[in-house]
Amino acid sequence: MIIYDKLLQILKNNNYTCYTLTKKNKVIGQATWKKIHERGNIDTRSINSLCAFLECQPGDILEYIPDVSDGKGSKDNRADGKAE
């Protein structure tokens, strides 16, 4: 699962609001703003716009957290194929 906690913290620290991003600077749309807050999926164009506006890299605003409830987070990813 992709989470946007880093982005939300940056926005809070800089006092950026929904209005700042969606109306004043037209960085993202209101639907994207809502998806970010609901941990939904946003497209790479939105990530690009946010990174350009904030002058940062994608890793500065989002993070991948394995979702163990879907079974994918528990797979063994070791190169030798042995379980840990």
PDB file of N, CA and C in Angstrom:
ATOM      1  N   MET A   1       0.842  -1.161   0.000  1.00  0.00           N
ATOM      2  CA  MET A   1       0.000   0.000   0.000  1.00  0.00           C
ATOM      3  C   MET A   1       0.901   1.241   0.000  1.00  0.00           C
ATOM      4  N   ILE A   2       0.534   2.218  -0.785  1.00  0.00           N
ATOM      5  CA  ILE A   2       1.234   3.497  -0.811  1.00  0.00           C
ATOM      6  C   ILE A   2       0.550   4.432   0.171  1.00  0.00           C
ATOM      7  N   ILE A   3       1.347   5.042   1.048  1.00  0.00           N
ATOM      8  CA  ILE A   3       0.792   6.017   1.989  1.00  0.00           C
ATOM      9  C   ILE A   3       1.441   7.376   1.741  1.00  0.00           C
ATOM     10  N   TYR A   4       0.725   8.408   2.085  1.00  0.00           N
ATOM     11  CA  TYR A   4       1.147   9.778   1.800  1.00  0.00           C
ATOM     12  C   TYR A   4       1.395  10.580   3.076  1.00  0.00           C
ATOM     13  N   ASP A   5       1.742   9.900   4.159  1.00  0.00           N
ATOM     14  CA  ASP A   5       1.952  10.585   5.438  1.00  0.00           C
ATOM     15  C   ASP A   5       3.067  11.626   5.342  1.00  0.00           C
ATOM     16  N   LYS A   6       4.138  11.305   4.599  1.00  0.00           N
ATOM     17  CA  LYS A   6       5.238  12.261   4.429  1.00  0.00           C
ATOM     18  C   LYS A   6       4.741  13.526   3.726  1.00  0.00           C
ATOM     19  N   LEU A   7       3.946  13.347   2.683  1.00  0.00           N
ATOM     20  CA  LEU A   7       3.395  14.475   1.950  1.00  0.00           C
ATOM     21  C   LEU A   7       2.515  15.326   2.857  1.00  0.00           C
ATOM     22  N   LEU A   8       1.638  14.683   3.593  1.00  0.00           N
ATOM     23  CA  LEU A   8       0.731  15.414   4.471  1.00  0.00           C
ATOM     24  C   LEU A   8       1.502  16.206   5.529  1.00  0.00           C
ATOM     25  N   GLN A   9       2.605  15.643   6.016  1.00  0.00           N
ATOM     26  CA  GLN A   9       3.416  16.350   6.998  1.00  0.00           C
ATOM     27  C   GLN A   9       4.100  17.566   6.369  1.00  0.00           C
ATOM     28  N   ILE A  10       4.623  17.416   5.146  1.00  0.00           N
ATOM     29  CA  ILE A  10       5.247  18.542   4.437  1.00  0.00           C
ATOM     30  C   ILE A  10       4.219  19.647   4.214  1.00  0.00           C
ATOM     31  N   LEU A  11       3.028  19.273   3.782  1.00  0.00           N
ATOM     32  CA  LEU A  11       1.982  20.264   3.544  1.00  0.00           C
ATOM     33  C   LEU A  11       1.620  20.997   4.829  1.00  0.00           C
ATOM     34  N   LYS A  12       1.498  20.248   5.910  1.00  0.00           N
ATOM     35  CA  LYS A  12       1.165  20.850   7.203  1.00  0.00           C
ATOM     36  C   LYS A  12       2.270  21.802   7.656  1.00  0.00           C
ATOM     37  N   ASN A  13       3.522  21.357   7.530  1.00  0.00           N
ATOM     38  CA  ASN A  13       4.658  22.180   7.963  1.00  0.00           C
ATOM     39  C   ASN A  13       4.754  23.490   7.182  1.00  0.00           C
ATOM     40  N   ASN A  14       4.310  23.479   5.923  1.00  0.00           N
ATOM     41  CA  ASN A  14       4.382  24.670   5.077  1.00  0.00           C
ATOM     42  C   ASN A  14       3.053  25.427   4.999  1.00  0.00           C
ATOM     43  N   ASN A  15       2.087  24.998   5.803  1.00  0.00           N
ATOM     44  CA  ASN A  15       0.762  25.622   5.828  1.00  0.00           C
ATOM     45  C   ASN A  15       0.082  25.626   4.465  1.00  0.00           C
ATOM     46  N   TYR A  16       0.307  24.559   3.681  1.00  0.00           N
ATOM     47  CA  TYR A  16      -0.381  24.412   2.402  1.00  0.00           C
ATOM     48  C   TYR A  16      -1.732  23.755   2.652  1.00  0.00           C
ATOM     49  N   THR A  17      -2.765  24.317   2.085  1.00  0.00           N
ATOM     50  CA  THR A  17      -4.123  23.814   2.264  1.00  0.00           C
ATOM     51  C   THR A  17      -4.648  23.258   0.940  1.00  0.00           C
ATOM     52  N   CYS A  18      -5.845  22.728   1.008  1.00  0.00           N
ATOM     53  CA  CYS A  18      -6.520  22.278  -0.202  1.00  0.00           C
ATOM     54  C   CYS A  18      -6.611  23.431  -1.192  1.00  0.00           C
ATOM     55  N   TYR A  19      -6.951  24.593  -0.705  1.00  0.00           N
ATOM     56  CA  TYR A  19      -7.065  25.767  -1.574  1.00  0.00           C
ATOM     57  C   TYR A  19      -5.728  26.087  -2.246  1.00  0.00           C
ATOM     58  N   THR A  20      -4.639  26.034  -1.485  1.00  0.00           N
ATOM     59  CA  THR A  20      -3.313  26.338  -2.024  1.00  0.00           C
ATOM     60  C   THR A  20      -2.976  25.431  -3.200  1.00  0.00           C
ATOM     61  N   LEU A  21      -3.264  24.145  -3.050  1.00  0.00           N
ATOM     62  CA  LEU A  21      -2.867  23.173  -4.077  1.00  0.00           C
ATOM     63  C   LEU A  21      -3.858  23.050  -5.222  1.00  0.00           C
ATOM     64  N   THR A  22      -5.142  23.190  -4.926  1.00  0.00           N
ATOM     65  CA  THR A  22      -6.146  22.921  -5.965  1.00  0.00           C
ATOM     66  C   THR A  22      -6.628  24.165  -6.692  1.00  0.00           C
ATOM     67  N   LYS A  23      -6.707  25.272  -6.011  1.00  0.00           N
ATOM     68  CA  LYS A  23      -7.252  26.490  -6.631  1.00  0.00           C
ATOM     69  C   LYS A  23      -6.165  27.514  -6.951  1.00  0.00           C
ATOM     70  N   LYS A  24      -5.421  27.897  -5.934  1.00  0.00           N
ATOM     71  CA  LYS A  24      -4.447  28.980  -6.084  1.00  0.00           C
ATOM     72  C   LYS A  24      -3.320  28.611  -7.057  1.00  0.00           C
ATOM     73  N   ASN A  25      -2.703  27.445  -6.863  1.00  0.00           N
ATOM     74  CA  ASN A  25      -1.553  27.048  -7.681  1.00  0.00           C
ATOM     75  C   ASN A  25      -1.869  25.964  -8.708  1.00  0.00           C
ATOM     76  N   LYS A  26      -3.060  25.399  -8.625  1.00  0.00           N
ATOM     77  CA  LYS A  26      -3.515  24.356  -9.561  1.00  0.00           C
ATOM     78  C   LYS A  26      -2.489  23.231  -9.740  1.00  0.00           C
ATOM     79  N   VAL A  27      -1.976  22.756  -8.616  1.00  0.00           N
ATOM     80  CA  VAL A  27      -0.996  21.670  -8.614  1.00  0.00           C
ATOM     81  C   VAL A  27      -1.695  20.339  -8.853  1.00  0.00           C
ATOM     82  N   ILE A  28      -2.788  20.116  -8.137  1.00  0.00           N
ATOM     83  CA  ILE A  28      -3.583  18.889  -8.255  1.00  0.00           C
ATOM     84  C   ILE A  28      -5.055  19.276  -8.217  1.00  0.00           C
ATOM     85  N   GLY A  29      -5.905  18.329  -8.581  1.00  0.00           N
ATOM     86  CA  GLY A  29      -7.343  18.550  -8.518  1.00  0.00           C
ATOM     87  C   GLY A  29      -7.905  18.167  -7.155  1.00  0.00           C
ATOM     88  N   GLN A  30      -9.129  18.570  -6.912  1.00  0.00           N
ATOM     89  CA  GLN A  30      -9.773  18.263  -5.643  1.00  0.00           C
ATOM     90  C   GLN A  30      -9.967  16.764  -5.443  1.00  0.00           C
ATOM     91  N   ALA A  31     -10.220  16.034  -6.517  1.00  0.00           N
ATOM     92  CA  ALA A  31     -10.390  14.576  -6.401  1.00  0.00           C
ATOM     93  C   ALA A  31      -9.077  13.929  -5.957  1.00  0.00           C
ATOM     94  N   THR A  32      -7.964  14.422  -6.460  1.00  0.00           N
ATOM     95  CA  THR A  32      -6.658  13.894  -6.056  1.00  0.00           C
ATOM     96  C   THR A  32      -6.394  14.228  -4.595  1.00  0.00           C
ATOM     97  N   TRP A  33      -6.732  15.438  -4.191  1.00  0.00           N
ATOM     98  CA  TRP A  33      -6.585  15.840  -2.790  1.00  0.00           C
ATOM     99  C   TRP A  33      -7.346  14.871  -1.884  1.00  0.00           C
ATOM    100  N   LYS A  34      -8.554  14.538  -2.272  1.00  0.00           N
ATOM    101  CA  LYS A  34      -9.380  13.614  -1.490  1.00  0.00           C
ATOM    102  C   LYS A  34      -8.746  12.222  -1.454  1.00  0.00           C
ATOM    103  N   LYS A  35      -8.247  11.752  -2.600  1.00  0.00           N
ATOM    104  CA  LYS A  35      -7.612  10.429  -2.654  1.00  0.00           C
ATOM    105  C   LYS A  35      -6.397  10.357  -1.745  1.00  0.00           C
ATOM    106  N   ILE A  36      -5.613  11.426  -1.699  1.00  0.00           N
ATOM    107  CA  ILE A  36      -4.442  11.460  -0.825  1.00  0.00           C
ATOM    108  C   ILE A  36      -4.862  11.277   0.628  1.00  0.00           C
ATOM    109  N   HIS A  37      -5.894  11.974   1.034  1.00  0.00           N
ATOM    110  CA  HIS A  37      -6.359  11.885   2.419  1.00  0.00           C
ATOM    111  C   HIS A  37      -7.017  10.549   2.736  1.00  0.00           C
ATOM    112  N   GLU A  38      -7.525   9.870   1.724  1.00  0.00           N
ATOM    113  CA  GLU A  38      -8.173   8.567   1.928  1.00  0.00           C
ATOM    114  C   GLU A  38      -7.244   7.405   1.602  1.00  0.00           C
ATOM    115  N   ARG A  39      -5.961   7.705   1.374  1.00  0.00           N
ATOM    116  CA  ARG A  39      -4.956   6.706   0.998  1.00  0.00           C
ATOM    117  C   ARG A  39      -5.354   5.941  -0.261  1.00  0.00           C
ATOM    118  N   GLY A  40      -5.924   6.672  -1.201  1.00  0.00           N
ATOM    119  CA  GLY A  40      -6.297   6.084  -2.479  1.00  0.00           C
ATOM    120  C   GLY A  40      -5.135   6.133  -3.458  1.00  0.00           C
ATOM    121  N   ASN A  41      -5.380   5.710  -4.661  1.00  0.00           N
ATOM    122  CA  ASN A  41      -4.353   5.721  -5.699  1.00  0.00           C
ATOM    123  C   ASN A  41      -4.387   7.037  -6.458  1.00  0.00           C
ATOM    124  N   ILE A  42      -3.209   7.627  -6.655  1.00  0.00           N
ATOM    125  CA  ILE A  42      -3.104   8.816  -7.487  1.00  0.00           C
ATOM    126  C   ILE A  42      -2.152   8.497  -8.634  1.00  0.00           C
ATOM    127  N   ASP A  43      -2.291   9.211  -9.740  1.00  0.00           N
ATOM    128  CA  ASP A  43      -1.478   8.897 -10.914  1.00  0.00           C
ATOM    129  C   ASP A  43      -0.121   9.594 -10.857  1.00  0.00           C
ATOM    130  N   THR A  44       0.770   9.169 -11.725  1.00  0.00           N
ATOM    131  CA  THR A  44       2.128   9.707 -11.740  1.00  0.00           C
ATOM    132  C   THR A  44       2.170  11.168 -12.161  1.00  0.00           C
ATOM    133  N   ARG A  45       1.200  11.621 -12.918  1.00  0.00           N
ATOM    134  CA  ARG A  45       1.153  13.054 -13.267  1.00  0.00           C
ATOM    135  C   ARG A  45       0.948  13.900 -12.017  1.00  0.00           C
ATOM    136  N   SER A  46       0.124  13.425 -11.124  1.00  0.00           N
ATOM    137  CA  SER A  46      -0.105  14.149  -9.866  1.00  0.00           C
ATOM    138  C   SER A  46       1.147  14.131  -9.002  1.00  0.00           C
ATOM    139  N   ILE A  47       1.803  12.980  -8.940  1.00  0.00           N
ATOM    140  CA  ILE A  47       3.057  12.880  -8.186  1.00  0.00           C
ATOM    141  C   ILE A  47       4.092  13.824  -8.786  1.00  0.00           C
ATOM    142  N   ASN A  48       4.167  13.870 -10.107  1.00  0.00           N
ATOM    143  CA  ASN A  48       5.084  14.773 -10.795  1.00  0.00           C
ATOM    144  C   ASN A  48       4.788  16.232 -10.441  1.00  0.00           C
ATOM    145  N   SER A  49       3.527  16.615 -10.481  1.00  0.00           N
ATOM    146  CA  SER A  49       3.132  17.990 -10.164  1.00  0.00           C
ATOM    147  C   SER A  49       3.467  18.356  -8.720  1.00  0.00           C
ATOM    148  N   LEU A  50       3.204  17.431  -7.809  1.00  0.00           N
ATOM    149  CA  LEU A  50       3.510  17.679  -6.405  1.00  0.00           C
ATOM    150  C   LEU A  50       5.013  17.827  -6.187  1.00  0.00           C
ATOM    151  N   CYS A  51       5.794  16.937  -6.802  1.00  0.00           N
ATOM    152  CA  CYS A  51       7.252  17.008  -6.658  1.00  0.00           C
ATOM    153  C   CYS A  51       7.806  18.304  -7.248  1.00  0.00           C
ATOM    154  N   ALA A  52       7.277  18.726  -8.386  1.00  0.00           N
ATOM    155  CA  ALA A  52       7.725  19.984  -8.998  1.00  0.00           C
ATOM    156  C   ALA A  52       7.383  21.161  -8.091  1.00  0.00           C
ATOM    157  N   PHE A  53       6.187  21.188  -7.562  1.00  0.00           N
ATOM    158  CA  PHE A  53       5.748  22.285  -6.697  1.00  0.00           C
ATOM    159  C   PHE A  53       6.554  22.331  -5.397  1.00  0.00           C
ATOM    160  N   LEU A  54       6.784  21.148  -4.807  1.00  0.00           N
ATOM    161  CA  LEU A  54       7.480  21.070  -3.520  1.00  0.00           C
ATOM    162  C   LEU A  54       9.006  20.987  -3.671  1.00  0.00           C
ATOM    163  N   GLU A  55       9.463  20.849  -4.932  1.00  0.00           N
ATOM    164  CA  GLU A  55      10.894  20.702  -5.231  1.00  0.00           C
ATOM    165  C   GLU A  55      11.492  19.543  -4.436  1.00  0.00           C
ATOM    166  N   CYS A  56      10.924  18.349  -4.662  1.00  0.00           N
ATOM    167  CA  CYS A  56      11.359  17.161  -3.938  1.00  0.00           C
ATOM    168  C   CYS A  56      11.303  15.938  -4.849  1.00  0.00           C
ATOM    169  N   GLN A  57      11.681  14.807  -4.328  1.00  0.00           N
ATOM    170  CA  GLN A  57      11.635  13.528  -5.022  1.00  0.00           C
ATOM    171  C   GLN A  57      10.412  12.733  -4.546  1.00  0.00           C
ATOM    172  N   PRO A  58       9.914  11.777  -5.353  1.00  0.00           N
ATOM    173  CA  PRO A  58       8.744  10.990  -4.935  1.00  0.00           C
ATOM    174  C   PRO A  58       8.903  10.326  -3.568  1.00  0.00           C
ATOM    175  N   GLY A  59      10.094   9.831  -3.272  1.00  0.00           N
ATOM    176  CA  GLY A  59      10.328   9.187  -1.980  1.00  0.00           C
ATOM    177  C   GLY A  59      10.203  10.132  -0.801  1.00  0.00           C
ATOM    178  N   ASP A  60      10.245  11.432  -1.079  1.00  0.00           N
ATOM    179  CA  ASP A  60      10.078  12.427  -0.020  1.00  0.00           C
ATOM    180  C   ASP A  60       8.613  12.619   0.362  1.00  0.00           C
ATOM    181  N   ILE A  61       7.694  12.184  -0.511  1.00  0.00           N
ATOM    182  CA  ILE A  61       6.271  12.434  -0.261  1.00  0.00           C
ATOM    183  C   ILE A  61       5.411  11.186  -0.149  1.00  0.00           C
ATOM    184  N   LEU A  62       5.951  10.028  -0.529  1.00  0.00           N
ATOM    185  CA  LEU A  62       5.156   8.808  -0.398  1.00  0.00           C
ATOM    186  C   LEU A  62       6.028   7.658   0.051  1.00  0.00           C
ATOM    187  N   GLU A  63       5.359   6.622   0.552  1.00  0.00           N
ATOM    188  CA  GLU A  63       6.067   5.472   1.090  1.00  0.00           C
ATOM    189  C   GLU A  63       5.265   4.202   0.805  1.00  0.00           C
ATOM    190  N   TYR A  64       5.969   3.136   0.482  1.00  0.00           N
ATOM    191  CA  TYR A  64       5.327   1.834   0.272  1.00  0.00           C
ATOM    192  C   TYR A  64       5.380   1.038   1.563  1.00  0.00           C
ATOM    193  N   ILE A  65       4.231   0.581   2.011  1.00  0.00           N
ATOM    194  CA  ILE A  65       4.121  -0.282   3.181  1.00  0.00           C
ATOM    195  C   ILE A  65       3.469  -1.581   2.723  1.00  0.00           C
ATOM    196  N   PRO A  66       4.153  -2.713   2.886  1.00  0.00           N
ATOM    197  CA  PRO A  66       3.532  -3.986   2.484  1.00  0.00           C
ATOM    198  C   PRO A  66       2.223  -4.219   3.230  1.00  0.00           C
ATOM    199  N   ASP A  67       1.233  -4.674   2.498  1.00  0.00           N
ATOM    200  CA  ASP A  67      -0.077  -4.962   3.079  1.00  0.00           C
ATOM    201  C   ASP A  67      -0.153  -6.460   3.341  1.00  0.00           C
ATOM    202  N   VAL A  68       0.046  -6.873   4.580  1.00  0.00           N
ATOM    203  CA  VAL A  68       0.075  -8.300   4.908  1.00  0.00           C
ATOM    204  C   VAL A  68      -1.302  -8.945   4.807  1.00  0.00           C
ATOM    205  N   SER A  69      -2.363  -8.164   4.822  1.00  0.00           N
ATOM    206  CA  SER A  69      -3.697  -8.743   4.754  1.00  0.00           C
ATOM    207  C   SER A  69      -4.011  -9.330   3.381  1.00  0.00           C
ATOM    208  N   ASP A  70      -3.289  -8.880   2.319  1.00  0.00           N
ATOM    209  CA  ASP A  70      -3.551  -9.437   0.997  1.00  0.00           C
ATOM    210  C   ASP A  70      -2.627 -10.608   0.659  1.00  0.00           C
ATOM    211  N   GLY A  71      -1.761 -10.972   1.612  1.00  0.00           N
ATOM    212  CA  GLY A  71      -0.873 -12.105   1.403  1.00  0.00           C
ATOM    213  C   GLY A  71       0.389 -11.753   0.643  1.00  0.00           C
ATOM    214  N   LYS A  72       0.441 -10.616  -0.013  1.00  0.00           N
ATOM    215  CA  LYS A  72       1.605 -10.241  -0.810  1.00  0.00           C
ATOM    216  C   LYS A  72       2.759  -9.768   0.065  1.00  0.00           C
ATOM    217  N   GLY A  73       2.461  -9.208   1.199  1.00  0.00           N
ATOM    218  CA  GLY A  73       3.501  -8.704   2.077  1.00  0.00           C
ATOM    219  C   GLY A  73       4.266  -9.795   2.795  1.00  0.00           C
ATOM    220  N   SER A  74       3.767 -11.037   2.754  1.00  0.00           N
ATOM    221  CA  SER A  74       4.423 -12.111   3.484  1.00  0.00           C
ATOM    222  C   SER A  74       5.273 -13.008   2.595  1.00  0.00           C
ATOM    223  N   LYS A  75       5.376 -12.717   1.307  1.00  0.00           N
ATOM    224  CA  LYS A  75       6.176 -13.533   0.411  1.00  0.00           C
ATOM    225  C   LYS A  75       7.654 -13.373   0.723  1.00  0.00           C
ATOM    226  N   ASP A  76       8.399 -14.453   0.510  1.00  0.00           N
ATOM    227  CA  ASP A  76       9.842 -14.410   0.719  1.00  0.00           C
ATOM    228  C   ASP A  76      10.492 -13.824  -0.523  1.00  0.00           C
ATOM    229  N   ASN A  77      11.219 -12.734  -0.354  1.00  0.00           N
ATOM    230  CA  ASN A  77      11.873 -12.078  -1.475  1.00  0.00           C
ATOM    231  C   ASN A  77      13.370 -12.273  -1.490  1.00  0.00           C
ATOM    232  N   ARG A  78      13.891 -13.238  -0.721  1.00  0.00           N
ATOM    233  CA  ARG A  78      15.325 -13.477  -0.689  1.00  0.00           C
ATOM    234  C   ARG A  78      15.772 -14.105  -1.990  1.00  0.00           C
ATOM    235  N   ALA A  79      16.952 -13.750  -2.430  1.00  0.00           N
ATOM    236  CA  ALA A  79      17.489 -14.242  -3.698  1.00  0.00           C
ATOM    237  C   ALA A  79      17.723 -15.752  -3.669  1.00  0.00           C
ATOM    238  N   ASP A  80      18.065 -16.328  -2.506  1.00  0.00           N
ATOM    239  CA  ASP A  80      18.342 -17.754  -2.453  1.00  0.00           C
ATOM    240  C   ASP A  80      17.080 -18.601  -2.315  1.00  0.00           C
ATOM    241  N   GLY A  81      15.915 -17.955  -2.154  1.00  0.00           N
ATOM    242  CA  GLY A  81      14.641 -18.669  -2.097  1.00  0.00           C
ATOM    243  C   GLY A  81      14.369 -19.353  -0.777  1.00  0.00           C
ATOM    244  N   LYS A  82      15.270 -19.211   0.189  1.00  0.00           N
ATOM    245  CA  LYS A  82      15.088 -19.857   1.495  1.00  0.00           C
ATOM    246  C   LYS A  82      14.271 -18.963   2.407  1.00  0.00           C
ATOM    247  N   ALA A  83      13.437 -19.574   3.186  1.00  0.00           N
ATOM    248  CA  ALA A  83      12.643 -18.821   4.155  1.00  0.00           C
ATOM    249  C   ALA A  83      13.537 -18.347   5.282  1.00  0.00           C
ATOM    250  N   GLU A  84      13.188 -17.226   5.865  1.00  0.00           N
ATOM    251  CA  GLU A  84      13.978 -16.690   6.985  1.00  0.00           C
ATOM    252  C   GLU A  84      13.563 -17.349   8.264  1.00  0.00           C
TER     253      GLU A  84
END
